[in-house]
Amino acid sequence: MSDQGSGYAAASELRSRIDTTTPHSARFWNYFVGGKDHYEVDREVGDQIKEIFPGLVDVARTSRHFLGRIVRHLAVEQGVRQFLDIGTGLPTGDNTHQVAQSVAPDARIVYVDNDPLVLTHARALLTSTPEGATAYLDADLYDPATILEAAAGTLDLSRPVALMILNTLGHVDPVERAQGLIKELMAGLAPGSFLAVSDGTATSPGMIAASEAYKDSGAVPYHVRSVAELTSLFDGLELLEPGVVRVTDWRPEPGAAPAAGPAVDAYGGVARKA
């Protein structure tokens, strides 16, 4: 078969894996941050949840800004040049590689997701500077060994790596399982590596109700946790200041106005492996 024919076959296989009848978190989140890669079922559930808890839109958008700030901090202030972004979601603006390579053109980024729609867009959109590198792995968070082995094709795991798992670990239940996955992944990274985590939190009745409504939609459940449970994901690591805080409060841009409106129900932090 020609390369073109192989490409058509691969695209057809990916399309066959996309379920347009059940909401999916990557597409649902894409709808909330103003993207275009979602289906009617995602929009319907999104609109229902906005009626229950309009603040979830703020969670989505401020979490995206949090990503940009942590990547810039790690690249500029900590000298990180390698990023492993698990649960990347659908590409929008200011993706990890764009932020990192805008301040460090030689940065190397590996994205990991296992959603076929994410994969189709990642192949087309996740490009790189000539000095750096960007790769995409169709892999599962529940298989850390495979992720690390495949990531080593692009990243030098003997040198520090920033492991980023944003708005993803809420799908992992119970919290002890999430802790175990993080430990396995961090064990494969060099001293001086970093862990960045953020997730929605059970810090308001509205956020808890939104989580229950999403679960009732038939989607893979997203469990909102207490701040203490989220903080436990950093056990054994050295938290950077200001610790685990609301995503709007993690090293805001100098001169930025205080966040308007009610406090968002999403916390995050960054920690270093000694």
Protein backbone atom coordinates (compact mmCIF):
# COMPACT_ATOMS: atom_id res chain seq x y z
CA MET A 1 0.00 0.00 0.00
CA SER A 2 1.25 3.53 -0.75
CA ASP A 3 2.06 5.97 2.04
CA GLN A 4 -1.03 7.92 1.04
CA GLY A 5 -3.17 4.80 1.24
CA SER A 6 -1.70 3.95 4.63
CA GLY A 7 -2.55 7.46 5.80
CA TYR A 8 -6.16 7.09 4.70
CA ALA A 9 -6.40 3.72 6.45
CA ALA A 10 -4.95 5.13 9.66
CA ALA A 11 -7.33 8.10 9.59
CA SER A 12 -10.28 5.82 8.98
CA GLU A 13 -9.26 3.59 11.89
CA LEU A 14 -8.98 6.62 14.18
CA ARG A 15 -12.41 7.92 13.14
CA SER A 16 -13.92 4.51 13.90
CA ARG A 17 -12.64 4.81 17.48
CA ILE A 18 -14.36 8.16 18.11
CA ASP A 19 -17.61 7.82 20.07
CA THR A 20 -19.86 10.77 19.22
CA THR A 21 -22.76 9.51 21.35
CA THR A 22 -21.12 9.89 24.77
CA PRO A 23 -19.54 13.04 26.22
CA HIS A 24 -15.76 13.01 26.42
CA SER A 25 -13.70 15.11 28.82
CA ALA A 26 -11.23 16.41 26.21
CA ARG A 27 -14.03 17.60 23.92
CA PHE A 28 -16.13 18.88 26.84
CA TRP A 29 -13.15 20.91 28.12
CA ASN A 30 -12.42 22.16 24.62
CA TYR A 31 -15.97 23.54 24.45
CA PHE A 32 -15.51 25.36 27.75
CA VAL A 33 -12.22 27.01 26.74
CA GLY A 34 -13.70 28.26 23.46
CA GLY A 35 -12.32 25.62 21.10
CA LYS A 36 -14.05 24.11 18.08
CA ASP A 37 -13.35 20.39 18.47
CA HIS A 38 -16.48 19.01 20.11
CA TYR A 39 -19.73 17.30 19.20
CA GLU A 40 -23.37 18.01 19.93
CA VAL A 41 -23.39 15.60 22.87
CA ASP A 42 -20.46 17.48 24.47
CA ARG A 43 -22.16 20.84 23.97
CA GLU A 44 -25.47 19.56 25.37
CA VAL A 45 -23.86 18.29 28.56
CA GLY A 46 -21.71 21.41 28.77
CA ASP A 47 -24.76 23.66 28.56
CA GLN A 48 -26.62 21.58 31.17
CA ILE A 49 -23.69 21.83 33.56
CA LYS A 50 -23.32 25.56 32.96
CA GLU A 51 -26.93 25.90 34.13
CA ILE A 52 -26.06 23.98 37.30
CA PHE A 53 -22.68 25.62 37.89
CA PRO A 54 -21.57 28.46 35.60
CA GLY A 55 -18.28 28.64 37.49
CA LEU A 56 -16.98 25.54 35.72
CA VAL A 57 -16.24 27.70 32.67
CA ASP A 58 -13.94 29.81 34.85
CA VAL A 59 -12.27 26.64 36.13
CA ALA A 60 -11.52 25.57 32.55
CA ARG A 61 -10.17 28.93 31.43
CA THR A 62 -8.12 29.75 34.51
CA SER A 63 -6.65 26.24 34.48
CA ARG A 64 -5.43 26.93 30.95
CA HIS A 65 -3.73 30.13 32.15
CA PHE A 66 -2.17 28.14 34.99
CA LEU A 67 -0.57 25.83 32.42
CA GLY A 68 1.10 28.77 30.72
CA ARG A 69 2.47 30.20 33.95
CA ILE A 70 3.94 26.94 35.19
CA VAL A 71 5.59 26.15 31.86
CA ARG A 72 7.14 29.63 31.69
CA HIS A 73 8.31 29.41 35.30
CA LEU A 74 9.86 25.98 34.80
CA ALA A 75 11.57 26.96 31.56
CA VAL A 76 12.78 30.41 32.61
CA GLU A 77 13.32 30.20 36.38
CA GLN A 78 14.17 26.51 36.77
CA GLY A 79 15.96 25.92 33.46
CA VAL A 80 13.77 22.96 32.47
CA ARG A 81 14.12 21.96 28.83
CA GLN A 82 12.08 18.74 28.83
CA PHE A 83 8.34 18.35 29.41
CA LEU A 84 6.19 15.22 29.63
CA ASP A 85 2.54 16.33 29.36
CA ILE A 86 0.10 13.50 30.14
CA GLY A 87 -3.58 13.99 29.38
CA THR A 88 -2.81 16.85 27.04
CA GLY A 89 -6.34 17.15 25.68
CA LEU A 90 -7.26 18.81 22.41
CA PRO A 91 -4.79 21.40 21.10
CA THR A 92 -5.95 25.00 21.50
CA GLY A 93 -3.83 28.12 21.92
CA ASP A 94 -0.73 28.33 24.12
CA ASN A 95 -0.07 24.60 24.24
CA THR A 96 2.86 23.39 26.34
CA HIS A 97 5.31 23.28 23.44
CA GLN A 98 4.33 26.75 22.24
CA VAL A 99 4.85 28.32 25.66
CA ALA A 100 8.06 26.42 26.40
CA GLN A 101 9.68 26.97 23.01
CA SER A 102 8.73 30.67 22.99
CA VAL A 103 11.18 31.18 25.87
CA ALA A 104 13.48 28.16 25.29
CA PRO A 105 13.56 27.19 21.59
CA ASP A 106 15.55 24.03 22.38
CA ALA A 107 12.82 22.64 24.66
CA ARG A 108 11.66 19.08 24.01
CA ILE A 109 8.05 18.10 24.70
CA VAL A 110 6.26 14.76 24.69
CA TYR A 111 2.47 14.75 24.82
CA VAL A 112 0.53 11.69 25.98
CA ASP A 113 -3.16 10.96 25.45
CA ASN A 114 -5.24 8.02 24.31
CA ASP A 115 -8.25 9.72 22.78
CA PRO A 116 -8.44 9.19 19.00
CA LEU A 117 -9.77 12.69 18.30
CA VAL A 118 -6.87 14.21 20.26
CA LEU A 119 -4.48 12.04 18.26
CA THR A 120 -5.82 13.19 14.89
CA HIS A 121 -5.33 16.83 15.85
CA ALA A 122 -2.02 16.33 17.61
CA ARG A 123 -0.42 14.89 14.49
CA ALA A 124 -1.36 17.98 12.51
CA LEU A 125 -0.92 20.75 15.08
CA LEU A 126 1.84 19.86 17.52
CA THR A 127 4.87 21.16 15.66
CA SER A 128 8.29 22.21 16.94
CA THR A 129 11.04 24.75 16.57
CA PRO A 130 14.09 23.51 14.60
CA GLU A 131 16.18 23.53 17.78
CA GLY A 132 13.69 21.54 19.87
CA ALA A 133 11.43 18.55 19.43
CA THR A 134 7.78 17.65 19.96
CA ALA A 135 6.35 14.14 19.99
CA TYR A 136 2.96 12.59 20.67
CA LEU A 137 2.32 9.21 22.32
CA ASP A 138 -0.94 7.33 21.96
CA ALA A 139 -0.65 5.79 25.42
CA ASP A 140 -2.55 5.28 28.66
CA LEU A 141 -1.89 6.96 32.01
CA TYR A 142 -2.44 3.57 33.65
CA ASP A 143 0.68 2.20 31.95
CA PRO A 144 3.56 4.31 33.32
CA ALA A 145 6.27 1.89 32.17
CA THR A 146 5.18 2.14 28.54
CA ILE A 147 4.95 5.92 28.74
CA LEU A 148 8.45 6.25 30.15
CA GLU A 149 9.94 3.83 27.65
CA ALA A 150 8.35 5.59 24.69
CA ALA A 151 9.09 9.10 26.00
CA ALA A 152 12.78 8.17 26.18
CA GLY A 153 12.80 8.25 22.39
CA THR A 154 12.50 12.04 22.55
CA LEU A 155 13.53 12.97 26.09
CA ASP A 156 16.77 12.24 27.94
CA LEU A 157 15.41 10.73 31.15
CA SER A 158 18.83 10.97 32.80
CA ARG A 159 18.25 14.74 32.89
CA PRO A 160 15.43 16.67 34.62
CA VAL A 161 11.94 16.46 33.12
CA ALA A 162 8.79 18.36 34.06
CA LEU A 163 5.92 15.88 34.39
CA MET A 164 2.62 17.67 33.87
CA ILE A 165 -0.74 16.04 34.63
CA LEU A 166 -3.33 18.79 34.51
CA ASN A 167 -7.08 18.27 34.93
CA THR A 168 -6.65 14.55 34.36
CA LEU A 169 -6.16 12.74 37.67
CA GLY A 170 -9.77 13.40 38.64
CA HIS A 171 -10.58 10.48 36.34
CA VAL A 172 -8.46 8.17 38.50
CA ASP A 173 -10.22 6.62 41.49
CA PRO A 174 -9.45 6.13 44.32
CA VAL A 175 -6.89 8.78 45.20
CA GLU A 176 -4.45 6.07 46.31
CA ARG A 177 -4.32 4.82 42.73
CA ALA A 178 -3.49 8.32 41.49
CA GLN A 179 -0.73 8.53 44.11
CA GLY A 180 0.69 5.21 42.89
CA LEU A 181 0.73 6.26 39.24
CA ILE A 182 2.58 9.47 40.09
CA LYS A 183 5.14 7.57 42.16
CA GLU A 184 5.80 5.16 39.27
CA LEU A 185 6.22 7.98 36.78
CA MET A 186 8.43 10.12 39.03
CA ALA A 187 10.59 7.09 39.88
CA GLY A 188 11.57 6.93 36.22
CA LEU A 189 12.65 10.57 36.10
CA ALA A 190 15.99 12.04 37.14
CA PRO A 191 16.62 13.99 40.36
CA GLY A 192 15.81 17.63 39.77
CA SER A 193 12.66 16.74 37.82
CA PHE A 194 9.36 18.45 38.58
CA LEU A 195 5.72 17.43 38.97
CA ALA A 196 2.89 19.81 38.07
CA VAL A 197 -0.68 18.81 38.93
CA SER A 198 -3.98 20.63 38.91
CA ASP A 199 -7.57 19.43 39.19
CA GLY A 200 -11.06 20.58 40.00
CA THR A 201 -11.75 20.43 43.74
CA ALA A 202 -14.73 19.75 45.99
CA THR A 203 -14.56 23.28 47.37
CA SER A 204 -18.13 24.39 46.64
CA PRO A 205 -21.57 22.74 46.41
CA GLY A 206 -21.76 23.87 42.78
CA MET A 207 -18.57 22.10 41.78
CA ILE A 208 -19.68 18.91 43.51
CA ALA A 209 -23.05 19.09 41.73
CA ALA A 210 -21.30 19.65 38.38
CA SER A 211 -19.16 16.56 38.95
CA GLU A 212 -22.24 14.47 39.72
CA ALA A 213 -24.06 15.77 36.63
CA TYR A 214 -21.09 14.92 34.44
CA LYS A 215 -20.99 11.40 35.86
CA ASP A 216 -24.75 11.01 35.25
CA SER A 217 -24.25 11.95 31.58
CA GLY A 218 -22.58 8.60 30.93
CA ALA A 219 -19.10 10.08 30.54
CA VAL A 220 -16.09 8.64 32.35
CA PRO A 221 -16.56 10.07 35.88
CA TYR A 222 -14.42 12.97 37.07
CA HIS A 223 -13.95 12.91 40.84
CA VAL A 224 -13.48 16.28 42.52
CA ARG A 225 -11.34 15.90 45.63
CA SER A 226 -10.52 17.83 48.74
CA VAL A 227 -7.51 20.13 48.73
CA ALA A 228 -5.82 17.77 51.21
CA GLU A 229 -6.27 14.84 48.83
CA LEU A 230 -4.88 16.86 45.93
CA THR A 231 -1.92 17.91 48.08
CA SER A 232 -1.21 14.26 48.90
CA LEU A 233 -0.30 13.68 45.25
CA PHE A 234 2.93 15.60 45.93
CA ASP A 235 4.00 13.42 48.87
CA GLY A 236 7.76 12.85 48.91
CA LEU A 237 8.49 15.88 46.74
CA GLU A 238 9.54 19.45 47.57
CA LEU A 239 6.66 21.82 46.88
CA LEU A 240 7.58 25.13 45.29
CA GLU A 241 6.11 28.29 46.75
CA PRO A 242 3.27 29.09 47.16
CA GLY A 243 2.38 25.41 47.59
CA VAL A 244 -0.94 23.90 46.50
CA VAL A 245 -3.28 26.84 45.96
CA ARG A 246 -6.12 27.91 43.71
CA VAL A 247 -4.84 27.96 40.14
CA THR A 248 -5.50 31.71 39.98
CA ASP A 249 -3.19 32.25 42.96
CA TRP A 250 -0.18 30.26 41.73
CA ARG A 251 2.47 32.86 40.85
CA PRO A 252 0.16 35.31 39.05
CA GLU A 253 1.80 37.50 36.44
CA PRO A 254 3.46 40.59 37.95
CA GLY A 255 1.03 43.47 37.93
CA ALA A 256 -1.94 41.24 37.11
CA ALA A 257 -5.23 42.39 38.58
CA PRO A 258 -6.77 40.11 41.21
CA ALA A 259 -9.09 37.49 39.73
CA ALA A 260 -12.59 38.89 39.41
CA GLY A 261 -15.66 37.00 40.51
CA PRO A 262 -15.96 34.07 42.90
CA ALA A 263 -12.95 31.92 43.74
CA VAL A 264 -12.45 29.08 41.26
CA ASP A 265 -12.80 25.47 42.37
CA ALA A 266 -9.47 24.26 41.01
CA TYR A 267 -6.17 23.89 42.84
CA GLY A 268 -2.71 23.06 41.66
CA GLY A 269 0.96 23.12 42.47
CA VAL A 270 4.46 22.27 41.34
CA ALA A 271 7.02 20.20 43.24
CA ARG A 272 10.62 19.12 42.73
CA LYS A 273 12.16 15.68 43.03
CA ALA A 274 15.28 15.85 45.22
